[in-house]
């Protein structure tokens, strides 16, 4: 376009500079008309060239904004039509950048979900809840440096006397050298399983997050630290870093050992730091395999006792925790099948639990003991039917098992309430990709009082 414009401009200049050779008035009038036509075309091409230049400038900015967002190849995006193939794409957080104006440096997005739980054997437990309302805020400082943050409100009302919470789920800076080499620092999500990174309601099946990725992988699990991460053209994505870790002295719920002990960067004890690493490989479009491991000491130089001597004294105990997972997912021709296995362990549990038992006897308390090992696994399958336009319907089924006290020291006996097998079947109806209406039924094989039906409404933008 630029070359054509230059040629036309030169031709026009030559044309207008050439003296009129015709003496006949009719020929001279015809030449004047041609001059006017050429002048009009030159002005039109100049205007088009300016518009094209603006679009090229905007497009040159857009990749830098999108590339600043951490990517995870595990997130599905529903396509239009029937049946649609679901492919691996960047993390669900990417649209908050991609949907912004190409010339905008600051972007906003978010998600929310409302749920109803109806218990089949005890209706007094039935409840409806605005579970989460979340806002994402991102800013692109330049082509390399960006900010990602996420503010979450839970259970509608936040105050000293209510169960609602207000929390920062992510807040980190990212420096992009290339797509394969990024460095981030701050508070960020751990790259484990499927839901911990990608938990917007339209992204996962079922009204409630699955039990394995709630009790074993403590979704939503985040740590403060520094990480190097990236993805390669041949399908390999990695994420390694040094972060804060767990604090076993804070354990207050045996049904979810790590959920109760992760510190969320809230005045987090940091005498001991942890390390983690994650690898995921997209073997073919829609075919993902991966795994991750996290390990670190959790004693923090007995910081809890030193700040509050009324609690147990764990002097000299490190209590290392290790958690790992392997996962795989296939998304092809409307089918979506995934599997996950995860296992965790605490070290020094004999010494830790003896101190807890002695403390309970001396103080008349019932502090939970720390498990030596805990695990969970699941398999899930779904199929998406296209109903025309962007409308889809996805029936699914999931089977999972978990045990948060699979091994205990000192001959202690596990609480049967802390293990179960769960079957969940249901439907996800999407009038468009970013909005979902959900229904499911959950059967708990050991603790049948938890059997329930769930209704949910969710969105992301």
Protein backbone atom coordinates (compact mmCIF):
# COMPACT_ATOMS: atom_id res chain seq x y z
CA UNK A 1 0.00 0.00 0.00
CA UNK A 2 2.83 2.42 0.85
CA UNK A 3 4.61 1.65 -2.46
CA UNK A 4 1.42 2.15 -4.49
CA UNK A 5 0.79 5.45 -2.75
CA UNK A 6 4.31 6.67 -3.50
CA UNK A 7 4.03 5.73 -7.17
CA UNK A 8 0.65 7.38 -7.48
CA UNK A 9 1.91 10.52 -5.73
CA UNK A 10 4.89 10.75 -8.09
CA UNK A 11 2.69 10.18 -11.13
CA UNK A 12 0.25 12.80 -9.90
CA UNK A 13 3.00 15.36 -9.38
CA UNK A 14 4.36 14.72 -12.87
CA UNK A 15 0.88 14.86 -14.33
CA UNK A 16 0.03 18.16 -12.68
CA UNK A 17 3.39 19.67 -13.58
CA UNK A 18 3.06 18.84 -17.31
CA UNK A 19 1.87 21.84 -19.32
CA UNK A 20 -1.34 21.44 -21.25
CA UNK A 21 -0.50 20.59 -24.85
CA UNK A 22 -4.02 20.72 -26.18
CA UNK A 23 -5.34 23.99 -27.36
CA UNK A 24 -8.83 22.69 -27.92
CA UNK A 25 -11.09 23.81 -25.03
CA UNK A 26 -12.86 20.41 -24.89
CA UNK A 27 -9.57 18.55 -24.58
CA UNK A 28 -8.39 20.98 -21.89
CA UNK A 29 -11.63 20.40 -19.93
CA UNK A 30 -11.11 16.64 -20.16
CA UNK A 31 -7.57 17.04 -18.83
CA UNK A 32 -8.87 19.15 -15.91
CA UNK A 33 -11.39 16.40 -15.05
CA UNK A 34 -8.62 13.79 -15.08
CA UNK A 35 -6.52 15.98 -12.77
CA UNK A 36 -9.43 16.28 -10.33
CA UNK A 37 -10.00 12.49 -10.41
CA UNK A 38 -6.33 11.75 -9.73
CA UNK A 39 -6.26 14.29 -6.88
CA UNK A 40 -9.32 12.68 -5.26
CA UNK A 41 -7.83 9.18 -5.55
CA UNK A 42 -4.55 10.40 -4.05
CA UNK A 43 -6.37 11.88 -1.05
CA UNK A 44 -8.38 8.66 -0.55
CA UNK A 45 -5.25 6.48 -0.64
CA UNK A 46 -3.49 8.79 1.81
CA UNK A 47 -6.39 8.46 4.26
CA UNK A 48 -6.39 4.66 3.88
CA UNK A 49 -2.65 4.55 4.49
CA UNK A 50 -3.10 6.50 7.73
CA UNK A 51 -5.80 4.07 8.94
CA UNK A 52 -3.63 1.05 8.08
CA UNK A 53 -0.68 2.56 9.93
CA UNK A 54 -2.85 3.05 13.04
CA UNK A 55 -3.99 -0.59 12.89
CA UNK A 56 -0.41 -1.80 12.48
CA UNK A 57 0.68 0.28 15.48
CA UNK A 58 -2.18 -1.18 17.58
CA UNK A 59 -1.39 -4.74 16.51
CA UNK A 60 2.27 -4.28 17.38
CA UNK A 61 1.21 -3.42 20.95
CA UNK A 62 -1.33 -6.22 21.42
CA UNK A 63 1.04 -9.24 21.55
CA UNK A 64 3.13 -7.60 24.26
CA UNK A 65 0.01 -7.26 26.41
CA UNK A 66 -1.16 -10.81 25.85
CA UNK A 67 2.30 -12.32 26.27
CA UNK A 68 2.57 -10.76 29.73
CA UNK A 69 -0.06 -13.18 31.06
CA UNK A 70 1.10 -16.49 32.55
CA UNK A 71 -0.17 -19.34 30.40
CA UNK A 72 -1.27 -22.80 31.32
CA UNK A 73 -2.08 -25.36 28.64
CA UNK A 74 -4.68 -27.05 30.81
CA UNK A 75 -7.60 -24.66 30.38
CA UNK A 76 -10.44 -25.61 28.00
CA UNK A 77 -12.40 -23.14 25.92
CA UNK A 78 -15.74 -24.24 24.53
CA UNK A 79 -16.22 -23.65 20.83
CA UNK A 80 -19.37 -22.97 18.88
CA UNK A 81 -21.05 -25.62 16.79
CA UNK A 82 -21.83 -29.27 17.27
CA UNK A 83 -19.88 -31.19 18.29
CA UNK A 84 -16.98 -28.83 18.91
CA UNK A 85 -13.35 -29.74 19.50
CA UNK A 86 -11.97 -28.29 22.69
CA UNK A 87 -8.29 -27.41 22.48
CA UNK A 88 -5.63 -26.40 24.95
CA UNK A 89 -5.31 -22.65 25.22
CA UNK A 90 -3.77 -20.04 27.56
CA UNK A 91 -4.98 -19.70 31.11
CA UNK A 92 -8.47 -18.41 31.81
CA UNK A 93 -6.83 -15.23 33.02
CA UNK A 94 -5.61 -14.40 29.51
CA UNK A 95 -8.94 -12.94 28.27
CA UNK A 96 -8.78 -10.06 30.74
CA UNK A 97 -5.78 -8.82 28.78
CA UNK A 98 -6.82 -9.97 25.31
CA UNK A 99 -10.28 -8.39 25.57
CA UNK A 100 -8.91 -4.95 26.35
CA UNK A 101 -8.42 -2.25 23.75
CA UNK A 102 -5.10 -2.80 21.91
CA UNK A 103 -3.99 0.63 23.05
CA UNK A 104 -4.98 0.15 26.71
CA UNK A 105 -2.28 -0.43 29.33
CA UNK A 106 -4.66 -1.34 32.19
CA UNK A 107 -7.18 -4.17 32.00
CA UNK A 108 -10.01 -5.46 34.20
CA UNK A 109 -11.77 -8.82 34.32
CA UNK A 110 -13.28 -11.18 36.82
CA UNK A 111 -15.61 -14.06 37.65
CA UNK A 112 -18.34 -15.00 40.09
CA UNK A 113 -20.43 -17.97 41.21
CA UNK A 114 -23.62 -18.62 43.15
CA UNK A 115 -24.50 -22.12 44.43
CA UNK A 116 -27.35 -23.99 46.06
CA UNK A 117 -26.63 -27.21 47.99
CA UNK A 118 -29.56 -29.46 48.80
CA UNK A 119 -28.72 -32.32 51.20
CA UNK A 120 -30.88 -35.39 50.74
CA UNK A 121 -30.74 -36.73 54.31
CA UNK A 122 -30.68 -33.56 56.40
CA UNK A 123 -32.52 -30.58 54.93
CA UNK A 124 -31.34 -28.37 57.79
CA UNK A 125 -27.96 -28.29 56.02
CA UNK A 126 -29.41 -26.87 52.79
CA UNK A 127 -27.96 -23.51 51.85
CA UNK A 128 -27.60 -20.95 49.09
CA UNK A 129 -24.46 -18.87 48.85
CA UNK A 130 -22.79 -16.23 46.72
CA UNK A 131 -19.58 -18.16 46.96
CA UNK A 132 -17.20 -15.81 45.20
CA UNK A 133 -17.02 -12.46 43.46
CA UNK A 134 -13.57 -11.85 42.01
CA UNK A 135 -11.96 -8.98 40.12
CA UNK A 136 -8.73 -9.16 38.10
CA UNK A 137 -6.60 -6.07 37.56
CA UNK A 138 -3.66 -6.07 35.17
CA UNK A 139 -1.28 -3.41 33.94
CA UNK A 140 1.30 -3.43 31.15
CA UNK A 141 4.14 -1.07 32.02
CA UNK A 142 6.02 -1.71 28.77
CA UNK A 143 6.62 -4.53 26.29
CA UNK A 144 8.31 -6.67 28.97
CA UNK A 145 7.04 -5.73 32.45
CA UNK A 146 3.47 -6.32 33.64
CA UNK A 147 1.42 -6.55 36.83
CA UNK A 148 -1.22 -9.20 37.58
CA UNK A 149 -3.54 -8.97 40.59
CA UNK A 150 -6.73 -10.62 41.78
CA UNK A 151 -9.09 -9.51 44.56
CA UNK A 152 -11.63 -12.00 45.88
CA UNK A 153 -14.72 -11.66 48.05
CA UNK A 154 -16.30 -14.80 49.46
CA UNK A 155 -19.79 -15.44 50.89
CA UNK A 156 -21.28 -12.02 50.06
CA UNK A 157 -20.68 -10.24 53.39
CA UNK A 158 -17.30 -9.52 54.96
CA UNK A 159 -17.10 -8.34 58.58
CA UNK A 160 -15.78 -9.41 61.97
CA UNK A 161 -19.03 -11.26 62.75
CA UNK A 162 -19.65 -12.81 59.30
CA UNK A 163 -18.11 -15.79 57.52
CA UNK A 164 -17.26 -13.81 54.39
CA UNK A 165 -13.66 -13.07 53.47
CA UNK A 166 -11.86 -10.44 51.44
CA UNK A 167 -8.47 -11.54 50.19
CA UNK A 168 -5.78 -10.97 47.62
CA UNK A 169 -5.45 -14.15 45.60
CA UNK A 170 -2.67 -12.95 43.32
CA UNK A 171 -0.41 -9.91 43.15
CA UNK A 172 2.82 -10.24 41.21
CA UNK A 173 5.08 -8.59 38.67
CA UNK A 174 6.16 -10.48 35.57
CA UNK A 175 9.13 -9.71 33.32
CA UNK A 176 8.99 -11.32 29.91
CA UNK A 177 12.31 -11.91 28.15
CA UNK A 178 10.82 -14.29 25.57
CA UNK A 179 7.78 -16.63 25.60
CA UNK A 180 10.17 -19.33 26.88
CA UNK A 181 11.72 -17.23 29.66
CA UNK A 182 9.69 -15.19 32.16
CA UNK A 183 10.42 -14.17 35.74
CA UNK A 184 7.61 -13.38 38.18
CA UNK A 185 7.78 -12.23 41.78
CA UNK A 186 5.04 -11.67 44.35
CA UNK A 187 1.99 -13.70 45.34
CA UNK A 188 0.95 -16.28 42.73
CA UNK A 189 -0.91 -19.57 42.28
CA UNK A 190 0.93 -22.88 42.47
CA UNK A 191 0.99 -24.90 39.21
CA UNK A 192 -0.66 -28.06 40.55
CA UNK A 193 -3.54 -30.08 39.13
CA UNK A 194 -6.25 -28.43 37.04
CA UNK A 195 -8.42 -26.26 39.27
CA UNK A 196 -5.79 -24.50 41.37
CA UNK A 197 -4.79 -22.29 38.43
CA UNK A 198 -8.02 -22.35 36.42
CA UNK A 199 -11.04 -22.21 38.71
CA UNK A 200 -13.42 -19.83 36.95
CA UNK A 201 -16.88 -21.49 36.99
CA UNK A 202 -17.28 -21.86 33.18
CA UNK A 203 -13.92 -23.67 33.05
CA UNK A 204 -14.58 -26.67 35.35
CA UNK A 205 -17.38 -29.24 35.57
CA UNK A 206 -19.60 -29.48 38.63
CA UNK A 207 -21.03 -26.81 40.89
CA UNK A 208 -18.45 -27.44 43.62
CA UNK A 209 -14.72 -27.88 43.13
CA UNK A 210 -13.80 -31.56 43.35
CA UNK A 211 -12.80 -33.02 46.73
CA UNK A 212 -9.27 -34.07 45.68
CA UNK A 213 -8.35 -30.55 44.54
CA UNK A 214 -9.82 -29.09 47.70
CA UNK A 215 -8.64 -31.46 50.44
CA UNK A 216 -5.29 -32.71 49.07
CA UNK A 217 -4.25 -29.89 46.70
CA UNK A 218 -5.55 -26.98 48.78
CA UNK A 219 -7.24 -24.93 46.06
CA UNK A 220 -6.90 -22.06 45.87
CA UNK A 221 -3.25 -22.43 46.92
CA UNK A 222 -0.88 -19.51 46.44
CA UNK A 223 2.51 -18.61 47.83
CA UNK A 224 4.80 -15.60 47.85
CA UNK A 225 8.09 -15.97 46.04
CA UNK A 226 9.97 -15.79 42.75
CA UNK A 227 9.57 -18.05 39.75
CA UNK A 228 11.05 -18.70 36.31
CA UNK A 229 8.52 -20.03 33.82
CA UNK A 230 7.76 -20.28 30.15
CA UNK A 231 6.54 -22.34 27.21
CA UNK A 232 8.36 -23.62 24.15
CA UNK A 233 7.28 -23.97 20.50
CA UNK A 234 7.43 -27.78 20.82
CA UNK A 235 4.74 -27.92 23.53
CA UNK A 236 6.73 -28.03 26.78
CA UNK A 237 5.79 -25.63 29.59
CA UNK A 238 7.75 -25.31 32.83
CA UNK A 239 7.52 -23.38 36.11
CA UNK A 240 10.14 -23.52 38.91
CA UNK A 241 10.56 -21.30 41.93
CA UNK A 242 11.37 -20.56 45.56
CA UNK A 243 8.44 -19.57 47.78
CA UNK A 244 7.03 -19.38 51.26
CA UNK A 245 5.57 -22.63 52.56
CA UNK A 246 3.23 -24.34 55.00
CA UNK A 247 3.20 -24.09 58.80
CA UNK A 248 2.23 -27.40 60.46
CA UNK A 249 1.62 -25.66 63.80
CA UNK A 250 -1.44 -23.97 62.25
CA UNK A 251 -3.19 -27.25 61.39
CA UNK A 252 -6.76 -27.06 62.66
CA UNK A 253 -8.66 -29.36 60.28
CA UNK A 254 -7.66 -32.99 59.77
CA UNK A 255 -9.97 -33.27 56.73
CA UNK A 256 -7.75 -30.92 54.69
CA UNK A 257 -4.19 -30.92 56.08
CA UNK A 258 -2.66 -28.37 53.69
CA UNK A 259 -5.71 -26.14 53.34
CA UNK A 260 -5.45 -25.42 57.04
CA UNK A 261 -1.70 -24.85 57.06
CA UNK A 262 -0.95 -22.74 53.98
CA UNK A 263 -0.23 -19.14 54.92
CA UNK A 264 -1.47 -17.10 51.90
CA UNK A 265 1.31 -14.51 52.43
CA UNK A 266 -0.56 -13.14 55.45
CA UNK A 267 2.31 -12.26 57.81
CA UNK A 268 3.68 -15.63 56.72
CA UNK A 269 6.42 -17.23 58.81
CA UNK A 270 9.41 -17.53 56.52
CA UNK A 271 12.26 -19.01 58.54
CA UNK A 272 11.95 -21.93 56.14
CA UNK A 273 11.40 -21.50 52.40
CA UNK A 274 10.18 -24.10 49.93
CA UNK A 275 10.96 -25.08 46.35
CA UNK A 276 8.69 -26.33 43.59
CA UNK A 277 8.82 -27.40 39.97
CA UNK A 278 6.21 -28.12 37.31
CA UNK A 279 6.36 -29.59 33.79
CA UNK A 280 3.50 -29.92 31.31
CA UNK A 281 3.72 -31.26 27.77
CA UNK A 282 1.14 -30.77 25.04
CA UNK A 283 1.84 -33.88 22.98
CA UNK A 284 -0.73 -32.91 20.33
CA UNK A 285 -3.52 -30.35 20.11
CA UNK A 286 -5.82 -31.11 23.02
CA UNK A 287 -3.54 -33.74 24.61
CA UNK A 288 -1.81 -32.74 27.85
CA UNK A 289 0.33 -34.60 30.40
CA UNK A 290 2.06 -33.01 33.37
CA UNK A 291 3.16 -33.09 36.95
CA UNK A 292 4.53 -31.00 39.79
CA UNK A 293 6.35 -31.32 43.12
CA UNK A 294 6.62 -29.00 46.14
CA UNK A 295 8.78 -29.48 49.24
CA UNK A 296 9.91 -27.45 52.23
CA UNK A 297 10.33 -27.41 55.99
CA UNK A 298 7.35 -26.14 57.97
CA UNK A 299 8.67 -25.62 61.53
CA UNK A 300 9.82 -22.00 61.05
CA UNK A 301 12.08 -22.08 64.12
CA UNK A 302 9.07 -22.66 66.39
CA UNK A 303 7.72 -19.21 65.48
CA UNK A 304 4.13 -19.93 66.53
CA UNK A 305 5.09 -20.92 70.07
CA UNK A 306 7.45 -17.96 70.43
CA UNK A 307 4.67 -15.56 69.45
CA UNK A 308 2.05 -17.37 71.59
CA UNK A 309 3.46 -19.58 74.39
CA UNK A 310 0.00 -20.93 75.22
CA UNK A 311 0.24 -23.31 72.23
CA UNK A 312 2.30 -26.50 71.82
CA UNK A 313 6.07 -26.19 71.89
CA UNK A 314 7.56 -27.75 68.74
CA UNK A 315 11.16 -26.66 69.39
CA UNK A 316 13.71 -28.36 67.15
CA UNK A 317 11.18 -29.96 64.77
CA UNK A 318 11.29 -29.10 61.06
CA UNK A 319 8.21 -31.00 59.86
CA UNK A 320 9.06 -31.03 56.14
CA UNK A 321 6.05 -31.34 53.84
CA UNK A 322 6.16 -32.75 50.31
CA UNK A 323 3.32 -32.72 47.80
CA UNK A 324 3.35 -34.04 44.23
CA UNK A 325 0.87 -34.70 41.48
CA UNK A 326 0.61 -36.18 37.99
CA UNK A 327 -2.24 -35.34 35.64
CA UNK A 328 -3.37 -35.87 32.05
CA UNK A 329 -6.16 -34.54 29.87
CA UNK A 330 -7.49 -35.29 26.38
CA UNK A 331 -9.86 -32.83 24.67
CA UNK A 332 -10.86 -33.98 21.20
CA UNK A 333 -13.99 -33.72 19.03
CA UNK A 334 -16.21 -32.64 21.91
CA UNK A 335 -14.81 -35.22 24.36
CA UNK A 336 -13.01 -34.07 27.52
CA UNK A 337 -11.35 -36.74 29.69
CA UNK A 338 -8.97 -36.06 32.56
CA UNK A 339 -7.19 -37.96 35.33
CA UNK A 340 -5.27 -36.77 38.38
CA UNK A 341 -3.30 -38.41 41.19
CA UNK A 342 -1.77 -36.46 44.07
CA UNK A 343 -0.02 -37.44 47.30
CA UNK A 344 1.42 -35.54 50.25
CA UNK A 345 3.45 -36.32 53.37
CA UNK A 346 4.77 -34.72 56.55
CA UNK A 347 8.10 -35.68 58.14
CA UNK A 348 8.76 -35.97 61.92
CA UNK A 349 5.10 -36.79 62.57
CA UNK A 350 5.82 -39.14 65.49
CA UNK A 351 7.48 -36.32 67.42
CA UNK A 352 4.90 -33.75 66.32
CA UNK A 353 1.87 -35.86 67.22
CA UNK A 354 3.28 -36.94 70.59
CA UNK A 355 3.60 -33.25 71.52
CA UNK A 356 0.03 -32.62 70.31
CA UNK A 357 -1.37 -35.58 72.28
CA UNK A 358 0.41 -34.50 75.47
CA UNK A 359 -0.82 -30.93 74.94
CA UNK A 360 -4.43 -32.10 74.49
CA UNK A 361 -4.31 -34.13 77.69
CA UNK A 362 -2.74 -31.29 79.69
CA UNK A 363 -5.13 -28.61 78.40
CA UNK A 364 -8.34 -30.50 77.70
CA UNK A 365 -8.17 -29.57 74.00
CA UNK A 366 -8.72 -31.57 70.80
CA UNK A 367 -6.09 -30.25 68.43
CA UNK A 368 -5.96 -32.47 65.31
CA UNK A 369 -2.93 -34.65 64.74
CA UNK A 370 -0.66 -34.29 61.71
CA UNK A 371 -0.86 -37.16 59.16
CA UNK A 372 2.23 -38.96 57.93
CA UNK A 373 0.67 -39.29 54.45
CA UNK A 374 -2.49 -38.31 52.53
CA UNK A 375 -3.59 -38.79 48.93
CA UNK A 376 -6.39 -38.55 46.39
CA UNK A 377 -7.17 -39.34 42.75
CA UNK A 378 -9.94 -38.77 40.24
CA UNK A 379 -11.08 -39.57 36.72
CA UNK A 380 -13.60 -37.44 34.84
CA UNK A 381 -15.27 -37.53 31.45
CA UNK A 382 -17.52 -35.08 29.60
CA UNK A 383 -18.96 -34.51 26.14
CA UNK A 384 -20.04 -31.17 24.71
CA UNK A 385 -23.04 -30.91 22.38
CA UNK A 386 -23.38 -27.81 20.24
CA UNK A 387 -26.98 -26.54 20.27
CA UNK A 388 -26.51 -23.81 17.69
CA UNK A 389 -24.57 -20.58 17.82
CA UNK A 390 -22.54 -20.36 21.02
CA UNK A 391 -24.97 -22.52 23.02
CA UNK A 392 -23.58 -25.81 24.39
CA UNK A 393 -24.64 -28.59 26.76
CA UNK A 394 -22.02 -30.76 28.51
CA UNK A 395 -23.02 -33.83 30.52
CA UNK A 396 -20.20 -35.17 32.70
CA UNK A 397 -19.35 -37.80 35.31
CA UNK A 398 -16.52 -37.83 37.85
CA UNK A 399 -15.30 -40.50 40.25
CA UNK A 400 -12.82 -39.59 42.99
CA UNK A 401 -11.37 -40.98 46.17
CA UNK A 402 -9.41 -39.27 48.93
CA UNK A 403 -7.89 -40.07 52.31
CA UNK A 404 -6.45 -37.26 54.40
CA UNK A 405 -5.11 -39.66 57.05
CA UNK A 406 -3.86 -42.58 54.94
CA UNK A 407 -0.90 -43.08 57.30
CA UNK A 408 -0.55 -42.03 60.96
CA UNK A 409 2.34 -42.49 63.42
CA UNK A 410 2.31 -43.98 66.93
CA UNK A 411 -0.33 -46.57 66.06
CA UNK A 412 -3.02 -43.87 65.91
CA UNK A 413 -6.33 -44.72 64.26
CA UNK A 414 -7.62 -42.56 61.42
CA UNK A 415 -11.02 -40.89 61.60
CA UNK A 416 -13.29 -42.59 59.00
CA UNK A 417 -14.83 -39.19 58.18
CA UNK A 418 -11.54 -38.20 56.58
CA UNK A 419 -11.74 -40.64 53.69
CA UNK A 420 -14.40 -41.26 51.09
CA UNK A 421 -15.28 -42.15 47.50
CA UNK A 422 -17.48 -39.71 45.59
CA UNK A 423 -19.44 -40.02 42.35
CA UNK A 424 -20.61 -36.78 40.74
CA UNK A 425 -22.82 -36.63 37.64
CA UNK A 426 -24.37 -33.55 36.10
CA UNK A 427 -24.76 -31.03 33.29
CA UNK A 428 -23.20 -27.70 32.32
CA UNK A 429 -25.34 -25.48 30.08
CA UNK A 430 -23.63 -22.51 28.43
CA UNK A 431 -25.64 -19.88 26.54
CA UNK A 432 -22.17 -18.57 25.61
CA UNK A 433 -18.63 -19.57 26.53
CA UNK A 434 -18.31 -17.19 29.49
CA UNK A 435 -21.59 -17.96 31.27
CA UNK A 436 -22.66 -21.33 32.71
CA UNK A 437 -25.67 -22.85 34.49
CA UNK A 438 -24.82 -26.09 36.33
CA UNK A 439 -26.67 -29.00 37.92
CA UNK A 440 -25.22 -32.12 39.51
CA UNK A 441 -25.82 -34.96 41.97
CA UNK A 442 -23.12 -36.18 44.37
CA UNK A 443 -23.04 -39.60 46.02
CA UNK A 444 -20.66 -40.12 48.96
CA UNK A 445 -20.15 -43.85 49.42
CA UNK A 446 -18.83 -43.83 53.01
CA UNK A 447 -20.33 -40.67 54.49
CA UNK A 448 -23.76 -40.83 52.89
CA UNK A 449 -25.09 -37.95 54.99
CA UNK A 450 -23.18 -35.73 52.52
CA UNK A 451 -25.25 -36.88 49.51
CA UNK A 452 -26.67 -33.82 47.78
CA UNK A 453 -27.87 -32.08 44.66
CA UNK A 454 -26.24 -28.82 43.59
CA UNK A 455 -27.34 -25.93 41.41
CA UNK A 456 -24.94 -23.26 40.24
CA UNK A 457 -24.62 -20.11 38.20
CA UNK A 458 -21.25 -18.78 37.09
CA UNK A 459 -19.60 -16.31 34.76
CA UNK A 460 -16.23 -14.87 33.76
CA UNK A 461 -15.27 -11.79 31.78
